[in-house]
Amino acid sequence: MPEKLHSTPDNKNQVADFAAKILWLLEHPEDRKKMGEFGYWRVQKELDWEYSVANLLAAYRRAFSKRAGAQS
């Protein structure tokens, strides 16, 4: 991905930055296609509920165990 598509946390003009990135994507169909394919793959292989449930349940267990320890 080209450097100009990366955002910085201190970005002052987010609307203009976002618009520039959309225009870049419109002007670069091959890169846009690759990014779309990668995003689709990532959702299917890493972010799908099937893969997320174990991490979510572990986070709940940690949160509840800390809360139970604080109330003792």
C-alpha atoms as a PDB file:
ATOM      1  CA  MET A   1       0.000   0.000   0.000  1.00  0.00           C
ATOM      2  CA  PRO A   2       1.440   3.386  -0.906  1.00  0.00           C
ATOM      3  CA  GLU A   3       2.663   5.606   1.903  1.00  0.00           C
ATOM      4  CA  LYS A   4       0.012   8.238   1.213  1.00  0.00           C
ATOM      5  CA  LEU A   5      -2.736   5.807   2.274  1.00  0.00           C
ATOM      6  CA  HIS A   6      -1.433   5.481   5.834  1.00  0.00           C
ATOM      7  CA  SER A   7      -3.032   7.751   8.431  1.00  0.00           C
ATOM      8  CA  THR A   8      -1.394   9.344  11.390  1.00  0.00           C
ATOM      9  CA  PRO A   9      -3.146   9.704  14.767  1.00  0.00           C
ATOM     10  CA  ASP A  10      -2.562  13.456  14.804  1.00  0.00           C
ATOM     11  CA  ASN A  11      -4.159  13.991  11.397  1.00  0.00           C
ATOM     12  CA  LYS A  12      -5.789  17.435  11.598  1.00  0.00           C
ATOM     13  CA  ASN A  13      -7.860  17.325   8.439  1.00  0.00           C
ATOM     14  CA  GLN A  14      -9.462  13.888   8.448  1.00  0.00           C
ATOM     15  CA  VAL A  15     -12.117  14.688   5.838  1.00  0.00           C
ATOM     16  CA  ALA A  16      -9.590  15.864   3.258  1.00  0.00           C
ATOM     17  CA  ASP A  17      -7.300  12.942   4.094  1.00  0.00           C
ATOM     18  CA  PHE A  18     -10.153  10.455   3.662  1.00  0.00           C
ATOM     19  CA  ALA A  19     -11.220  12.064   0.375  1.00  0.00           C
ATOM     20  CA  ALA A  20      -7.660  11.894  -0.960  1.00  0.00           C
ATOM     21  CA  LYS A  21      -7.485   8.199  -0.127  1.00  0.00           C
ATOM     22  CA  ILE A  22     -10.799   7.492  -1.866  1.00  0.00           C
ATOM     23  CA  LEU A  23      -9.578   9.344  -4.957  1.00  0.00           C
ATOM     24  CA  TRP A  24      -6.322   7.364  -4.880  1.00  0.00           C
ATOM     25  CA  LEU A  25      -8.288   4.117  -4.770  1.00  0.00           C
ATOM     26  CA  LEU A  26     -10.468   5.229  -7.685  1.00  0.00           C
ATOM     27  CA  GLU A  27      -7.342   6.009  -9.717  1.00  0.00           C
ATOM     28  CA  HIS A  28      -5.625   2.678  -8.932  1.00  0.00           C
ATOM     29  CA  PRO A  29      -8.008  -0.179  -9.795  1.00  0.00           C
ATOM     30  CA  GLU A  30      -5.378  -2.942  -9.561  1.00  0.00           C
ATOM     31  CA  ASP A  31      -4.315  -1.873  -6.060  1.00  0.00           C
ATOM     32  CA  ARG A  32      -7.967  -1.435  -5.087  1.00  0.00           C
ATOM     33  CA  LYS A  33      -8.702  -4.992  -6.240  1.00  0.00           C
ATOM     34  CA  LYS A  34      -5.739  -6.404  -4.275  1.00  0.00           C
ATOM     35  CA  MET A  35      -6.801  -4.528  -1.154  1.00  0.00           C
ATOM     36  CA  GLY A  36     -10.373  -5.782  -1.516  1.00  0.00           C
ATOM     37  CA  GLU A  37      -9.231  -9.367  -1.966  1.00  0.00           C
ATOM     38  CA  PHE A  38      -6.948  -9.118   1.057  1.00  0.00           C
ATOM     39  CA  GLY A  39      -9.739  -7.620   3.163  1.00  0.00           C
ATOM     40  CA  TYR A  40     -12.144 -10.362   2.122  1.00  0.00           C
ATOM     41  CA  TRP A  41      -9.553 -13.053   2.903  1.00  0.00           C
ATOM     42  CA  ARG A  42      -8.805 -11.513   6.306  1.00  0.00           C
ATOM     43  CA  VAL A  43     -12.463 -11.429   7.312  1.00  0.00           C
ATOM     44  CA  GLN A  44     -12.942 -15.031   6.181  1.00  0.00           C
ATOM     45  CA  LYS A  45      -9.735 -16.387   7.780  1.00  0.00           C
ATOM     46  CA  GLU A  46      -9.042 -14.190  10.803  1.00  0.00           C
ATOM     47  CA  LEU A  47     -12.043 -12.084  11.815  1.00  0.00           C
ATOM     48  CA  ASP A  48     -14.949 -14.477  11.308  1.00  0.00           C
ATOM     49  CA  TRP A  49     -16.941 -15.302  14.448  1.00  0.00           C
ATOM     50  CA  GLU A  50     -15.570 -18.855  14.334  1.00  0.00           C
ATOM     51  CA  TYR A  51     -12.076 -17.475  14.990  1.00  0.00           C
ATOM     52  CA  SER A  52     -13.079 -14.636  17.318  1.00  0.00           C
ATOM     53  CA  VAL A  53     -15.241 -16.434  19.861  1.00  0.00           C
ATOM     54  CA  ALA A  54     -12.349 -18.004  21.822  1.00  0.00           C
ATOM     55  CA  ASN A  55     -10.568 -14.641  22.197  1.00  0.00           C
ATOM     56  CA  LEU A  56     -13.775 -12.882  23.196  1.00  0.00           C
ATOM     57  CA  LEU A  57     -14.642 -15.491  25.807  1.00  0.00           C
ATOM     58  CA  ALA A  58     -11.095 -15.351  27.202  1.00  0.00           C
ATOM     59  CA  ALA A  59     -11.363 -11.561  27.497  1.00  0.00           C
ATOM     60  CA  TYR A  60     -14.680 -11.894  29.350  1.00  0.00           C
ATOM     61  CA  ARG A  61     -13.136 -14.451  31.729  1.00  0.00           C
ATOM     62  CA  ARG A  62     -10.205 -12.115  32.473  1.00  0.00           C
ATOM     63  CA  ALA A  63     -12.501  -9.137  33.009  1.00  0.00           C
ATOM     64  CA  PHE A  64     -14.849 -11.033  35.303  1.00  0.00           C
ATOM     65  CA  SER A  65     -12.014 -12.623  37.276  1.00  0.00           C
ATOM     66  CA  LYS A  66     -10.462  -9.177  37.885  1.00  0.00           C
ATOM     67  CA  ARG A  67     -13.846  -7.835  38.936  1.00  0.00           C
ATOM     68  CA  ALA A  68     -14.435 -10.769  41.297  1.00  0.00           C
ATOM     69  CA  GLY A  69     -10.955 -10.265  42.787  1.00  0.00           C
ATOM     70  CA  ALA A  70     -11.600  -6.554  43.341  1.00  0.00           C
ATOM     71  CA  GLN A  71     -14.864  -7.246  45.166  1.00  0.00           C
ATOM     72  CA  SER A  72     -13.281  -9.710  47.628  1.00  0.00           C
END
